[in-house]
Each structure stands twice: as structure tokens, then as C-alpha cells.
């Protein structure tokens, strides 16, 4: 936890540093700030011990196993998947083999994933914010809500999410071919990213606030029937079987947060659209996320689907805060202050037991491996 607190402190301190420079909130300062923070986040993710995060050690074992596989066996894995529907996500096996053949070190693989993901995230934030303060809040939100998955746990979905973030810019420009190409390539790493495709077509609709309000109003109904829907989808895909009956992992706090943010964004809709006309895309993304969010109480593994869309709160929350600036700069500053304070409170509350060690330090494996 201490390392992540230091990173959050750096996010704020470096942000204040760049905001004090001439032409504060200029495009140049914002770009330099985003690059600096992404570099710090790459180091944090890439330098971690294999015992950090729930799945990192499993991926280490997979990497070492793939290293010893012949290329003939690797291609057989690909053939088995596409011809006989055996195994899963063969693109990741190919990627592991390429990296292990060229570098051979798992730690460099971690760095490669971190560079890919934070390049995508940094570009995502840069392209979709206009002020340095927005980028600061976005990075704090990331460190509080998404760090424990993308930075220290997932490999396959972290890579796939990087693909969706890169593809999002082609979605905004209505370049369907490039959008689909990136998503389809990413789906070989983690097939769940295919759920991002409907966003392209849904975002053609006008006035997303109307549809979003309907989804919010129907959310209690979706919860009531979520068990049937989630289990039906599970029966078709056989996905996330290991998450089926884990009551203790139900993300009640996250669900409440997503609903609260969505309602606030809808209340401030007109002002937010004036601040950023492209924010209609964020509304549609969050709307889809809320639909999938109704399934997580039935099978918490659907949080992995929600992740592709919930990450847009990194963009919508700063816009909600900025929307108060038209009334009073003092109110806007207070909104920023209390938002960051609440985020830090949630982080401290839920991450007291989280441990982090660098790869050169000793660290005990988590109980699941013992």
C-alpha cells in the first residue's frame, strides 16, 4: 500500500508542479505531465515481484512453460483453438513465445505489458481531456480503482484493454475497419474485448442521456432478472466458472459508485456536453457498463466485462467537477478537493492489506499458491 500511496502523492505533486508553470493547463504541460505519470506507473508495474497481485505468479509459470514449448506446439495451440475450440486466447501464447524467445526474462515481459498498457492509457487521457486538472483526477481515479487489476494482476485483459483504448480513437473518427482490426487482434489475447464492438454502433444514436436514464430506471429490474441472464450467458460461453459462487467478492461499493457517478453525469449532462462535445461517447460507454454491472451480483466475473466501460469514469468524473466551474470557481475547487479526499478514503479503507515488493526483494506468495 505504501508504494501506491507514494505514486498517488507523485500524481498530485507533479500535477501541482506543472500547473504552476507558465501557461498552466496548456497542451504542452498536460502532455509532459501525462508522460511523466505514465513513466512512473510503468516502473511501478514492471518492477513488481512475481508474488504481487493475485495472478502474476500464475502468469510467470505460464511464461516459463511457454518458453520451453516448440514453435510447432505453439502453432498447434492456435489450430486447436480455431479448429476444435480447445483452449483459450491463443494469441497470448504466441505473444509469450515471441517475448520469451527474444528476451527470455519474465520481468521484461512485465515491462512490455506495462509499456503497452500505459501508452494506451496515456494517449486515452491526453486525447480526451483538455485541462491538466482533468488528467490529475483521471490518474488518481486509476490508482484508486483500477491499479489492483491493470497494474499488478491481469496480463491478458490488460493487453486487451490497451487494444480497446487504442481502438476508441478510431471509433470517434468513425474508422470502422481500423477499429475492428484492433479489437479482433486484441480478442486473440482476451476474447471478452469483443463486447466493445457494440459501442461503435450504439454511439450513432442521438441524445444518449435519454437512453441512459432508461437504463438507470430499469436497473432494479435488471438486478431481479440478472441471475437468469448471467447464468444463461455462462451456459453458452462457459466463462468465469471459478467466479460463480463467491459471495464475498460482490462489488457493492463499486456498483454504488458507478450508479452515483452515472446519475451525477446525467444531471450535469447539458453542461458537460458544452465542455466536451465528444463526451457523448463516454455516456454510451458507461450506459453499456451499467447494463453489465447488473450481472455482477449473479457472477462476479462479469466485472471483467464492466472494466472495458467503467474505465470511462476516468473521463466523466473530471467533467462533472469542471461543470461546477460555470457557477463558481470556489465550488469547482471544493469539488476537486472533496472528490480526491473521498477517493483516498476508499483506497485506504480497501487496500490496508495490499502488499507490494520490488522484484529484487523477498516476498511470500499469496495463500492461494501455498
Protein backbone atom coordinates (compact mmCIF):
# COMPACT_ATOMS: atom_id res chain seq x y z
CA UNK A 1 0.00 0.00 0.00
CA UNK A 2 2.84 2.40 0.82
CA UNK A 3 4.23 2.28 -2.73
CA UNK A 4 0.84 3.08 -4.24
CA UNK A 5 0.33 5.93 -1.77
CA UNK A 6 3.69 7.34 -2.87
CA UNK A 7 2.58 7.05 -6.51
CA UNK A 8 -0.70 8.88 -5.75
CA UNK A 9 1.28 11.58 -3.94
CA UNK A 10 3.53 11.93 -7.01
CA UNK A 11 0.47 12.18 -9.27
CA UNK A 12 -0.69 15.16 -7.24
CA UNK A 13 2.69 16.79 -6.60
CA UNK A 14 3.86 16.52 -10.22
CA UNK A 15 0.48 17.87 -11.30
CA UNK A 16 0.81 20.88 -9.00
CA UNK A 17 4.34 21.41 -10.32
CA UNK A 18 3.20 21.58 -13.94
CA UNK A 19 0.16 23.70 -13.06
CA UNK A 20 2.47 26.37 -11.57
CA UNK A 21 4.42 26.74 -14.80
CA UNK A 22 3.63 29.48 -17.27
CA UNK A 23 0.66 28.82 -19.50
CA UNK A 24 -0.76 26.47 -16.90
CA UNK A 25 -3.09 23.79 -18.22
CA UNK A 26 -1.55 24.33 -21.64
CA UNK A 27 -1.40 21.39 -24.01
CA UNK A 28 2.39 21.18 -23.60
CA UNK A 29 2.28 20.96 -19.80
CA UNK A 30 -0.55 18.45 -19.87
CA UNK A 31 1.33 16.24 -22.33
CA UNK A 32 4.54 16.40 -20.26
CA UNK A 33 2.56 15.61 -17.12
CA UNK A 34 0.83 12.59 -18.66
CA UNK A 35 4.15 11.21 -19.98
CA UNK A 36 5.78 11.65 -16.55
CA UNK A 37 2.99 9.87 -14.67
CA UNK A 38 2.80 7.06 -17.21
CA UNK A 39 6.55 6.54 -16.81
CA UNK A 40 6.09 6.25 -13.03
CA UNK A 41 3.19 3.81 -13.46
CA UNK A 42 5.25 1.71 -15.90
CA UNK A 43 8.02 1.44 -13.31
CA UNK A 44 5.54 0.54 -10.59
CA UNK A 45 4.01 -2.25 -12.69
CA UNK A 46 7.18 -3.50 -14.38
CA UNK A 47 9.38 -3.67 -11.29
CA UNK A 48 6.96 -5.70 -9.18
CA UNK A 49 7.77 -9.03 -7.58
CA UNK A 50 6.06 -12.09 -9.09
CA UNK A 51 4.24 -12.51 -5.76
CA UNK A 52 2.48 -9.14 -6.16
CA UNK A 53 -1.08 -9.45 -7.42
CA UNK A 54 -3.37 -12.45 -7.49
CA UNK A 55 -2.43 -13.79 -10.93
CA UNK A 56 1.14 -12.61 -11.53
CA UNK A 57 2.77 -15.82 -10.30
CA UNK A 58 0.41 -17.93 -12.42
CA UNK A 59 1.43 -15.91 -15.46
CA UNK A 60 5.08 -16.36 -14.51
CA UNK A 61 4.61 -20.13 -14.52
CA UNK A 62 2.80 -19.91 -17.86
CA UNK A 63 5.63 -17.82 -19.32
CA UNK A 64 8.26 -20.32 -18.17
CA UNK A 65 6.25 -23.22 -19.59
CA UNK A 66 5.75 -21.49 -22.95
CA UNK A 67 9.46 -20.71 -23.10
CA UNK A 68 10.20 -24.44 -23.31
CA UNK A 69 7.50 -25.13 -25.90
CA UNK A 70 8.47 -25.66 -29.52
CA UNK A 71 7.05 -23.38 -32.18
CA UNK A 72 5.25 -26.37 -33.66
CA UNK A 73 3.46 -26.86 -30.36
CA UNK A 74 2.59 -23.15 -30.21
CA UNK A 75 1.01 -23.23 -33.66
CA UNK A 76 -0.85 -26.38 -32.66
CA UNK A 77 -2.37 -24.43 -29.75
CA UNK A 78 -3.63 -21.84 -32.27
CA UNK A 79 -5.01 -24.55 -34.59
CA UNK A 80 -6.70 -26.39 -31.71
CA UNK A 81 -8.47 -23.23 -30.64
CA UNK A 82 -9.78 -22.08 -34.01
CA UNK A 83 -10.43 -25.52 -35.48
CA UNK A 84 -11.60 -27.53 -32.47
CA UNK A 85 -12.50 -24.78 -29.95
CA UNK A 86 -9.96 -26.14 -27.46
CA UNK A 87 -8.07 -23.91 -25.03
CA UNK A 88 -8.43 -20.15 -24.86
CA UNK A 89 -6.89 -16.93 -26.14
CA UNK A 90 -4.12 -18.43 -28.33
CA UNK A 91 -2.74 -15.01 -29.20
CA UNK A 92 -1.37 -14.72 -25.68
CA UNK A 93 0.55 -17.99 -26.06
CA UNK A 94 2.07 -16.69 -29.31
CA UNK A 95 2.99 -13.43 -27.60
CA UNK A 96 4.58 -15.25 -24.67
CA UNK A 97 6.63 -17.37 -27.07
CA UNK A 98 7.83 -14.37 -29.07
CA UNK A 99 8.90 -12.45 -25.95
CA UNK A 100 10.48 -15.47 -24.27
CA UNK A 101 12.39 -16.28 -27.48
CA UNK A 102 13.74 -12.74 -27.87
CA UNK A 103 14.32 -11.72 -24.24
CA UNK A 104 13.77 -14.83 -22.13
CA UNK A 105 13.11 -12.90 -18.93
CA UNK A 106 9.65 -12.66 -17.38
CA UNK A 107 10.47 -9.29 -15.82
CA UNK A 108 10.96 -7.83 -19.31
CA UNK A 109 7.59 -9.30 -20.27
CA UNK A 110 6.02 -7.40 -17.36
CA UNK A 111 7.69 -4.22 -18.58
CA UNK A 112 6.47 -4.83 -22.12
CA UNK A 113 2.87 -5.20 -20.96
CA UNK A 114 3.19 -2.09 -18.77
CA UNK A 115 4.63 -0.01 -21.64
CA UNK A 116 1.83 -1.13 -23.97
CA UNK A 117 -0.96 -0.51 -21.48
CA UNK A 118 0.22 2.85 -20.17
CA UNK A 119 0.98 4.09 -23.68
CA UNK A 120 -2.66 3.35 -24.47
CA UNK A 121 -3.92 4.83 -21.20
CA UNK A 122 -1.78 7.95 -21.53
CA UNK A 123 -3.00 8.51 -25.08
CA UNK A 124 -6.58 7.88 -23.94
CA UNK A 125 -6.28 10.54 -21.22
CA UNK A 126 -4.41 13.01 -23.44
CA UNK A 127 -6.88 12.76 -26.31
CA UNK A 128 -9.95 13.06 -24.08
CA UNK A 129 -9.01 15.75 -21.56
CA UNK A 130 -8.50 19.46 -22.06
CA UNK A 131 -7.07 20.60 -18.74
CA UNK A 132 -4.21 19.39 -16.62
CA UNK A 133 -6.55 19.17 -13.61
CA UNK A 134 -8.70 16.67 -15.51
CA UNK A 135 -5.68 14.46 -16.18
CA UNK A 136 -4.68 14.65 -12.49
CA UNK A 137 -8.08 13.43 -11.32
CA UNK A 138 -8.11 10.73 -14.02
CA UNK A 139 -4.79 9.31 -12.76
CA UNK A 140 -5.94 9.42 -9.11
CA UNK A 141 -9.09 7.52 -10.12
CA UNK A 142 -6.93 4.98 -11.92
CA UNK A 143 -4.66 4.44 -8.91
CA UNK A 144 -7.61 4.01 -6.55
CA UNK A 145 -10.00 1.92 -8.67
CA UNK A 146 -8.04 0.21 -11.45
CA UNK A 147 -4.46 -0.17 -10.19
CA UNK A 148 -5.09 -3.50 -8.45
CA UNK A 149 -6.15 -5.11 -11.71
CA UNK A 150 -4.34 -3.50 -14.64
CA UNK A 151 -1.06 -2.68 -12.88
CA UNK A 152 -0.41 -5.77 -10.79
CA UNK A 153 -2.73 -8.64 -11.73
CA UNK A 154 -4.15 -9.18 -15.19
CA UNK A 155 -1.94 -9.77 -18.22
CA UNK A 156 -4.31 -10.91 -20.94
CA UNK A 157 -7.11 -8.49 -20.17
CA UNK A 158 -4.67 -5.65 -19.54
CA UNK A 159 -3.33 -6.14 -23.08
CA UNK A 160 -6.87 -6.47 -24.48
CA UNK A 161 -7.95 -3.30 -22.68
CA UNK A 162 -4.99 -1.45 -24.19
CA UNK A 163 -6.38 -2.54 -27.56
CA UNK A 164 -9.83 -1.09 -26.79
CA UNK A 165 -8.27 2.20 -25.64
CA UNK A 166 -6.30 2.49 -28.89
CA UNK A 167 -9.40 1.49 -30.89
CA UNK A 168 -11.53 4.13 -29.17
CA UNK A 169 -9.89 6.92 -31.17
CA UNK A 170 -10.86 5.15 -34.40
CA UNK A 171 -14.39 4.81 -33.03
CA UNK A 172 -14.59 8.57 -32.53
CA UNK A 173 -13.30 9.16 -36.08
CA UNK A 174 -15.73 6.56 -37.46
CA UNK A 175 -12.99 4.44 -39.00
CA UNK A 176 -14.70 1.06 -38.69
CA UNK A 177 -12.00 -1.01 -40.41
CA UNK A 178 -9.18 0.05 -38.09
CA UNK A 179 -11.48 -0.11 -35.06
CA UNK A 180 -12.48 -3.70 -35.82
CA UNK A 181 -8.94 -4.71 -36.77
CA UNK A 182 -7.54 -3.67 -33.39
CA UNK A 183 -10.42 -5.23 -31.44
CA UNK A 184 -10.15 -8.52 -33.34
CA UNK A 185 -6.39 -8.71 -32.77
CA UNK A 186 -6.89 -7.90 -29.07
CA UNK A 187 -9.59 -10.60 -28.84
CA UNK A 188 -6.96 -13.26 -29.55
CA UNK A 189 -5.38 -12.18 -26.25
CA UNK A 190 -8.68 -11.98 -24.31
CA UNK A 191 -11.93 -12.61 -26.17
CA UNK A 192 -14.02 -10.55 -23.76
CA UNK A 193 -12.92 -7.34 -25.50
CA UNK A 194 -15.35 -8.23 -28.32
CA UNK A 195 -18.06 -6.67 -26.12
CA UNK A 196 -16.52 -3.31 -27.01
CA UNK A 197 -17.70 -3.61 -30.64
CA UNK A 198 -21.38 -2.68 -29.99
CA UNK A 199 -20.24 0.69 -28.63
CA UNK A 200 -19.28 1.70 -32.19
CA UNK A 201 -22.84 1.27 -33.45
CA UNK A 202 -24.73 2.32 -30.32
CA UNK A 203 -22.87 5.62 -30.28
CA UNK A 204 -24.60 6.60 -33.53
CA UNK A 205 -27.75 7.20 -31.50
CA UNK A 206 -28.61 10.76 -30.57
CA UNK A 207 -29.15 12.11 -27.09
CA UNK A 208 -27.50 9.40 -25.01
CA UNK A 209 -28.93 10.90 -21.81
CA UNK A 210 -32.43 9.65 -22.73
CA UNK A 211 -31.30 6.06 -23.18
CA UNK A 212 -29.07 6.27 -20.13
CA UNK A 213 -31.94 7.43 -17.88
CA UNK A 214 -33.99 4.46 -19.11
CA UNK A 215 -31.17 2.05 -18.20
CA UNK A 216 -30.82 3.65 -14.75
CA UNK A 217 -34.60 3.40 -14.20
CA UNK A 218 -34.59 -0.25 -15.26
CA UNK A 219 -31.52 -1.16 -13.20
CA UNK A 220 -33.58 -2.62 -10.29
CA UNK A 221 -35.45 -4.80 -12.82
CA UNK A 222 -32.15 -5.90 -14.38
CA UNK A 223 -30.93 -6.89 -10.92
CA UNK A 224 -34.02 -9.04 -10.36
CA UNK A 225 -33.50 -10.99 -13.58
CA UNK A 226 -29.70 -10.84 -13.55
CA UNK A 227 -29.33 -14.34 -12.16
CA UNK A 228 -31.19 -15.88 -15.09
CA UNK A 229 -29.42 -13.70 -17.68
CA UNK A 230 -25.93 -14.23 -16.24
CA UNK A 231 -26.33 -17.98 -15.91
CA UNK A 232 -27.76 -18.22 -19.43
CA UNK A 233 -24.76 -16.39 -20.86
CA UNK A 234 -22.49 -18.56 -18.72
CA UNK A 235 -24.13 -21.71 -20.12
CA UNK A 236 -23.37 -20.53 -23.64
CA UNK A 237 -19.78 -19.44 -23.06
CA UNK A 238 -18.68 -21.44 -20.01
CA UNK A 239 -16.82 -18.29 -18.96
CA UNK A 240 -15.72 -17.34 -15.43
CA UNK A 241 -16.79 -20.62 -13.84
CA UNK A 242 -14.36 -20.01 -11.00
CA UNK A 243 -16.22 -16.82 -10.02
CA UNK A 244 -19.71 -18.29 -9.90
CA UNK A 245 -20.30 -18.66 -6.17
CA UNK A 246 -18.09 -16.11 -4.43
CA UNK A 247 -20.47 -14.05 -2.30
CA UNK A 248 -17.63 -12.23 -0.55
CA UNK A 249 -16.43 -10.79 -3.88
CA UNK A 250 -19.66 -8.97 -4.74
CA UNK A 251 -18.54 -5.40 -5.53
CA UNK A 252 -21.29 -3.50 -3.71
CA UNK A 253 -19.22 -0.34 -3.20
CA UNK A 254 -18.17 -0.22 -6.86
CA UNK A 255 -21.76 -0.71 -8.05
CA UNK A 256 -22.95 2.16 -5.83
CA UNK A 257 -20.10 4.36 -7.06
CA UNK A 258 -20.86 3.64 -10.73
CA UNK A 259 -24.56 4.42 -10.21
CA UNK A 260 -23.78 7.63 -8.32
CA UNK A 261 -21.33 8.83 -10.98
CA UNK A 262 -23.79 7.96 -13.75
CA UNK A 263 -26.65 9.85 -12.11
CA UNK A 264 -24.46 12.89 -11.45
CA UNK A 265 -23.24 12.82 -15.07
CA UNK A 266 -26.83 12.72 -16.29
CA UNK A 267 -27.87 15.60 -14.03
CA UNK A 268 -24.97 17.70 -15.36
CA UNK A 269 -25.43 16.45 -18.94
CA UNK A 270 -26.03 19.78 -20.70
CA UNK A 271 -23.08 21.50 -19.05
CA UNK A 272 -20.78 18.53 -19.69
CA UNK A 273 -21.70 18.41 -23.38
CA UNK A 274 -20.83 22.12 -23.64
CA UNK A 275 -17.44 21.44 -22.08
CA UNK A 276 -16.68 18.45 -24.34
CA UNK A 277 -18.92 17.54 -27.26
CA UNK A 278 -17.21 14.14 -27.57
CA UNK A 279 -18.41 13.17 -24.09
CA UNK A 280 -21.49 11.58 -25.71
CA UNK A 281 -19.22 8.60 -26.37
CA UNK A 282 -18.41 8.38 -22.65
CA UNK A 283 -22.13 8.35 -21.79
CA UNK A 284 -22.81 5.45 -24.15
CA UNK A 285 -19.82 3.53 -22.78
CA UNK A 286 -20.96 4.00 -19.19
CA UNK A 287 -24.51 3.04 -20.16
CA UNK A 288 -23.31 -0.30 -21.53
CA UNK A 289 -21.19 -0.73 -18.41
CA UNK A 290 -24.24 -0.24 -16.18
CA UNK A 291 -26.14 -2.93 -18.10
CA UNK A 292 -23.33 -5.45 -17.48
CA UNK A 293 -22.97 -4.18 -13.93
CA UNK A 294 -26.41 -5.61 -13.15
CA UNK A 295 -24.96 -9.10 -13.73
CA UNK A 296 -22.05 -8.93 -11.29
CA UNK A 297 -24.12 -9.92 -8.26
CA UNK A 298 -25.01 -13.17 -10.01
CA UNK A 299 -21.50 -13.94 -11.28
CA UNK A 300 -18.87 -11.51 -10.08
CA UNK A 301 -16.60 -12.45 -13.01
CA UNK A 302 -18.65 -10.14 -15.19
CA UNK A 303 -16.70 -7.33 -13.56
CA UNK A 304 -14.12 -8.18 -16.22
CA UNK A 305 -16.67 -7.12 -18.84
CA UNK A 306 -17.60 -3.98 -16.91
CA UNK A 307 -13.91 -2.95 -16.79
CA UNK A 308 -13.92 -2.11 -20.51
CA UNK A 309 -16.58 0.53 -19.91
CA UNK A 310 -16.12 1.58 -16.28
CA UNK A 311 -12.69 2.97 -17.18
CA UNK A 312 -14.57 5.86 -18.81
CA UNK A 313 -15.34 7.25 -15.36
CA UNK A 314 -11.74 8.49 -15.50
CA UNK A 315 -13.02 10.95 -18.11
CA UNK A 316 -16.56 11.66 -16.92
CA UNK A 317 -15.75 12.44 -13.27
CA UNK A 318 -13.33 15.30 -14.16
CA UNK A 319 -16.01 16.70 -16.49
CA UNK A 320 -18.59 16.55 -13.71
CA UNK A 321 -16.20 18.51 -11.50
CA UNK A 322 -15.44 21.05 -14.24
CA UNK A 323 -19.16 21.57 -14.85
CA UNK A 324 -19.40 23.29 -11.48
CA UNK A 325 -16.86 25.90 -12.60
CA UNK A 326 -19.53 27.84 -14.51
CA UNK A 327 -21.26 28.54 -11.19
CA UNK A 328 -18.23 29.31 -9.08
CA UNK A 329 -14.52 28.57 -9.26
CA UNK A 330 -14.58 28.14 -5.48
CA UNK A 331 -17.23 25.44 -5.77
CA UNK A 332 -15.21 23.74 -8.52
CA UNK A 333 -12.06 23.72 -6.37
CA UNK A 334 -14.01 22.33 -3.41
CA UNK A 335 -15.49 19.65 -5.66
CA UNK A 336 -11.98 18.62 -6.78
CA UNK A 337 -10.70 18.60 -3.20
CA UNK A 338 -13.52 16.50 -1.75
CA UNK A 339 -13.51 14.09 -4.69
CA UNK A 340 -9.81 13.35 -4.26
CA UNK A 341 -10.27 13.11 -0.47
CA UNK A 342 -13.13 10.59 -0.88
CA UNK A 343 -11.13 8.54 -3.39
CA UNK A 344 -8.18 8.40 -0.98
CA UNK A 345 -10.52 7.34 1.83
CA UNK A 346 -11.84 4.45 -0.28
CA UNK A 347 -8.29 3.47 -1.18
CA UNK A 348 -7.13 3.42 2.43
CA UNK A 349 -10.23 1.51 3.50
CA UNK A 350 -9.95 -1.25 0.91
CA UNK A 351 -6.18 -1.58 0.49
CA UNK A 352 -4.80 -1.77 4.02
CA UNK A 353 -3.60 -5.34 3.46
CA UNK A 354 -2.27 -4.86 -0.07
CA UNK A 355 1.44 -5.61 -0.27
CA UNK A 356 3.97 -4.55 -2.86
CA UNK A 357 7.59 -5.61 -3.23
CA UNK A 358 10.10 -4.95 -5.99
CA UNK A 359 11.46 -7.94 -7.90
CA UNK A 360 14.79 -7.82 -6.06
CA UNK A 361 13.05 -8.05 -2.67
CA UNK A 362 11.80 -11.19 -0.97
CA UNK A 363 8.04 -11.67 -0.79
CA UNK A 364 5.84 -14.51 0.35
CA UNK A 365 3.45 -15.95 -2.25
CA UNK A 366 -0.25 -15.45 -1.62
CA UNK A 367 -2.13 -18.21 0.19
CA UNK A 368 -3.77 -19.45 -2.99
CA UNK A 369 -0.36 -20.80 -4.09
CA UNK A 370 0.63 -22.36 -0.79
